[in-house]
Amino acid sequence: MFDGFSAHADQAGLIDFAESVRKRQGSGGLRRTFLVHGESAARSALALQLVTRRFAGVTSPAQGEHFQLT
């Protein structure tokens, strides 16, 4: 649950948010990052930036695609 989180942040704001979550997670880090909102080109650009920053498992699922989280 993310109190006060806005889905309207720009790319830099979203990267900063992801970095802050990763830091809070400690050495375990984030195992997956799902990009589910926004236009396809914007999601692709954000995914590239996250992968460049060594985020693991960056995924932009297709509509209706399912994932099992463990």
N, C-alpha and C. Protein backbone atom coordinates (compact mmCIF):
# COMPACT_ATOMS: atom_id res chain seq x y z
N MET A 1 0.85 -1.17 0.00
CA MET A 1 0.00 0.00 0.00
C MET A 1 0.90 1.23 0.00
N PHE A 2 0.61 2.19 -0.87
CA PHE A 2 1.40 3.40 -0.99
C PHE A 2 0.51 4.60 -0.74
N ASP A 3 0.53 5.12 0.48
CA ASP A 3 -0.25 6.31 0.79
C ASP A 3 0.37 7.52 0.10
N GLY A 4 -0.45 8.32 -0.53
CA GLY A 4 0.02 9.56 -1.12
C GLY A 4 0.75 9.38 -2.44
N PHE A 5 0.75 8.18 -3.01
CA PHE A 5 1.43 7.96 -4.28
C PHE A 5 0.55 8.43 -5.42
N SER A 6 1.13 9.17 -6.32
CA SER A 6 0.39 9.66 -7.48
C SER A 6 0.85 8.94 -8.73
N ALA A 7 -0.08 8.52 -9.55
CA ALA A 7 0.25 7.88 -10.82
C ALA A 7 0.61 8.90 -11.88
N HIS A 8 0.66 10.17 -11.52
CA HIS A 8 0.92 11.22 -12.50
C HIS A 8 2.32 11.80 -12.41
N ALA A 9 3.24 11.06 -11.82
CA ALA A 9 4.63 11.52 -11.76
C ALA A 9 5.26 11.42 -13.15
N ASP A 10 6.25 12.26 -13.40
CA ASP A 10 6.97 12.15 -14.65
C ASP A 10 7.98 11.00 -14.54
N GLN A 11 8.69 10.73 -15.63
CA GLN A 11 9.62 9.60 -15.63
C GLN A 11 10.66 9.72 -14.52
N ALA A 12 11.25 10.88 -14.36
CA ALA A 12 12.27 11.07 -13.32
C ALA A 12 11.67 10.83 -11.94
N GLY A 13 10.45 11.28 -11.72
CA GLY A 13 9.79 11.06 -10.44
C GLY A 13 9.52 9.60 -10.17
N LEU A 14 9.13 8.87 -11.21
CA LEU A 14 8.87 7.43 -11.05
C LEU A 14 10.17 6.67 -10.79
N ILE A 15 11.24 7.07 -11.45
CA ILE A 15 12.53 6.43 -11.21
C ILE A 15 12.99 6.71 -9.78
N ASP A 16 12.85 7.95 -9.33
CA ASP A 16 13.20 8.29 -7.95
C ASP A 16 12.39 7.46 -6.96
N PHE A 17 11.09 7.30 -7.24
CA PHE A 17 10.24 6.49 -6.37
C PHE A 17 10.73 5.05 -6.33
N ALA A 18 11.01 4.47 -7.51
CA ALA A 18 11.48 3.08 -7.56
C ALA A 18 12.80 2.93 -6.82
N GLU A 19 13.69 3.90 -6.97
CA GLU A 19 14.98 3.85 -6.26
C GLU A 19 14.76 3.90 -4.74
N SER A 20 13.83 4.73 -4.29
CA SER A 20 13.58 4.83 -2.85
C SER A 20 12.99 3.52 -2.31
N VAL A 21 12.13 2.87 -3.08
CA VAL A 21 11.58 1.58 -2.65
C VAL A 21 12.70 0.55 -2.59
N ARG A 22 13.55 0.55 -3.60
CA ARG A 22 14.66 -0.41 -3.64
C ARG A 22 15.57 -0.21 -2.42
N LYS A 23 15.86 1.02 -2.05
CA LYS A 23 16.72 1.29 -0.89
C LYS A 23 16.07 0.80 0.40
N ARG A 24 14.75 0.98 0.51
CA ARG A 24 14.04 0.52 1.71
C ARG A 24 14.03 -1.00 1.82
N GLN A 25 14.09 -1.67 0.67
CA GLN A 25 14.06 -3.13 0.66
C GLN A 25 15.37 -3.72 1.14
N GLY A 26 16.43 -2.94 1.23
CA GLY A 26 17.73 -3.45 1.66
C GLY A 26 18.36 -4.33 0.61
N SER A 27 19.12 -5.29 1.05
CA SER A 27 19.88 -6.13 0.11
C SER A 27 18.97 -7.03 -0.72
N GLY A 28 17.74 -7.27 -0.26
CA GLY A 28 16.81 -8.10 -1.02
C GLY A 28 16.34 -7.42 -2.29
N GLY A 29 16.25 -6.11 -2.27
CA GLY A 29 15.85 -5.37 -3.46
C GLY A 29 14.47 -5.72 -3.96
N LEU A 30 14.15 -5.20 -5.10
CA LEU A 30 12.88 -5.51 -5.76
C LEU A 30 13.10 -6.71 -6.67
N ARG A 31 12.17 -7.65 -6.63
CA ARG A 31 12.30 -8.82 -7.50
C ARG A 31 11.65 -8.61 -8.86
N ARG A 32 10.56 -7.84 -8.91
CA ARG A 32 9.87 -7.56 -10.18
C ARG A 32 9.30 -6.17 -10.14
N THR A 33 9.25 -5.56 -11.29
CA THR A 33 8.63 -4.25 -11.44
C THR A 33 7.66 -4.34 -12.62
N PHE A 34 6.38 -4.10 -12.36
CA PHE A 34 5.36 -4.17 -13.40
C PHE A 34 4.96 -2.74 -13.78
N LEU A 35 5.03 -2.43 -15.05
CA LEU A 35 4.59 -1.13 -15.57
C LEU A 35 3.24 -1.34 -16.23
N VAL A 36 2.19 -0.81 -15.61
CA VAL A 36 0.84 -1.14 -16.06
C VAL A 36 0.00 0.08 -16.43
N HIS A 37 0.59 1.25 -16.42
CA HIS A 37 -0.20 2.46 -16.67
C HIS A 37 0.55 3.36 -17.63
N GLY A 38 -0.17 4.02 -18.49
CA GLY A 38 0.45 4.96 -19.42
C GLY A 38 0.49 4.43 -20.83
N GLU A 39 0.93 5.28 -21.74
CA GLU A 39 1.01 4.91 -23.15
C GLU A 39 2.19 3.97 -23.37
N SER A 40 2.07 3.14 -24.39
CA SER A 40 3.06 2.11 -24.67
C SER A 40 4.47 2.69 -24.81
N ALA A 41 4.62 3.77 -25.57
CA ALA A 41 5.95 4.36 -25.77
C ALA A 41 6.55 4.86 -24.46
N ALA A 42 5.72 5.45 -23.61
CA ALA A 42 6.19 5.95 -22.32
C ALA A 42 6.59 4.79 -21.41
N ARG A 43 5.80 3.71 -21.40
CA ARG A 43 6.16 2.53 -20.60
C ARG A 43 7.46 1.92 -21.09
N SER A 44 7.64 1.85 -22.40
CA SER A 44 8.87 1.27 -22.96
C SER A 44 10.09 2.11 -22.58
N ALA A 45 9.95 3.43 -22.64
CA ALA A 45 11.05 4.32 -22.27
C ALA A 45 11.39 4.18 -20.80
N LEU A 46 10.37 4.10 -19.95
CA LEU A 46 10.60 3.93 -18.52
C LEU A 46 11.24 2.57 -18.25
N ALA A 47 10.77 1.53 -18.92
CA ALA A 47 11.35 0.19 -18.75
C ALA A 47 12.83 0.21 -19.09
N LEU A 48 13.20 0.86 -20.17
CA LEU A 48 14.60 0.94 -20.57
C LEU A 48 15.44 1.64 -19.50
N GLN A 49 14.91 2.72 -18.95
CA GLN A 49 15.63 3.44 -17.90
C GLN A 49 15.80 2.58 -16.64
N LEU A 50 14.78 1.82 -16.29
CA LEU A 50 14.87 0.96 -15.11
C LEU A 50 15.86 -0.19 -15.33
N VAL A 51 15.84 -0.78 -16.51
CA VAL A 51 16.78 -1.86 -16.83
C VAL A 51 18.21 -1.32 -16.81
N THR A 52 18.41 -0.13 -17.35
CA THR A 52 19.73 0.51 -17.35
C THR A 52 20.23 0.69 -15.93
N ARG A 53 19.32 0.94 -15.00
CA ARG A 53 19.67 1.12 -13.59
C ARG A 53 19.68 -0.20 -12.83
N ARG A 54 19.66 -1.30 -13.55
CA ARG A 54 19.78 -2.66 -13.00
C ARG A 54 18.60 -3.08 -12.13
N PHE A 55 17.41 -2.64 -12.49
CA PHE A 55 16.21 -3.18 -11.85
C PHE A 55 15.93 -4.54 -12.49
N ALA A 56 15.62 -5.52 -11.67
CA ALA A 56 15.37 -6.87 -12.17
C ALA A 56 13.91 -7.04 -12.54
N GLY A 57 13.66 -7.85 -13.55
CA GLY A 57 12.31 -8.27 -13.87
C GLY A 57 11.36 -7.16 -14.26
N VAL A 58 11.82 -6.17 -15.02
CA VAL A 58 10.94 -5.08 -15.46
C VAL A 58 10.03 -5.63 -16.55
N THR A 59 8.73 -5.53 -16.33
CA THR A 59 7.74 -6.12 -17.22
C THR A 59 6.63 -5.13 -17.51
N SER A 60 6.24 -5.06 -18.76
CA SER A 60 5.09 -4.26 -19.16
C SER A 60 4.06 -5.23 -19.76
N PRO A 61 3.22 -5.81 -18.90
CA PRO A 61 2.33 -6.89 -19.35
C PRO A 61 1.27 -6.41 -20.34
N ALA A 62 0.89 -7.32 -21.20
CA ALA A 62 -0.20 -7.06 -22.14
C ALA A 62 -1.52 -7.14 -21.38
N GLN A 63 -2.53 -6.46 -21.91
CA GLN A 63 -3.84 -6.50 -21.27
C GLN A 63 -4.31 -7.94 -21.17
N GLY A 64 -4.74 -8.34 -19.99
CA GLY A 64 -5.24 -9.68 -19.76
C GLY A 64 -4.16 -10.69 -19.41
N GLU A 65 -2.90 -10.30 -19.48
CA GLU A 65 -1.81 -11.21 -19.14
C GLU A 65 -1.81 -11.44 -17.62
N HIS A 66 -1.53 -12.67 -17.22
CA HIS A 66 -1.56 -13.04 -15.81
C HIS A 66 -0.18 -13.44 -15.33
N PHE A 67 0.08 -13.17 -14.05
CA PHE A 67 1.34 -13.54 -13.41
C PHE A 67 1.02 -14.11 -12.05
N GLN A 68 1.77 -15.12 -11.65
CA GLN A 68 1.64 -15.64 -10.30
C GLN A 68 2.76 -15.04 -9.47
N LEU A 69 2.39 -14.35 -8.40
CA LEU A 69 3.37 -13.72 -7.53
C LEU A 69 3.60 -14.62 -6.33
N THR A 70 4.86 -14.85 -6.03
CA THR A 70 5.19 -15.71 -4.89
C THR A 70 6.11 -14.99 -3.94
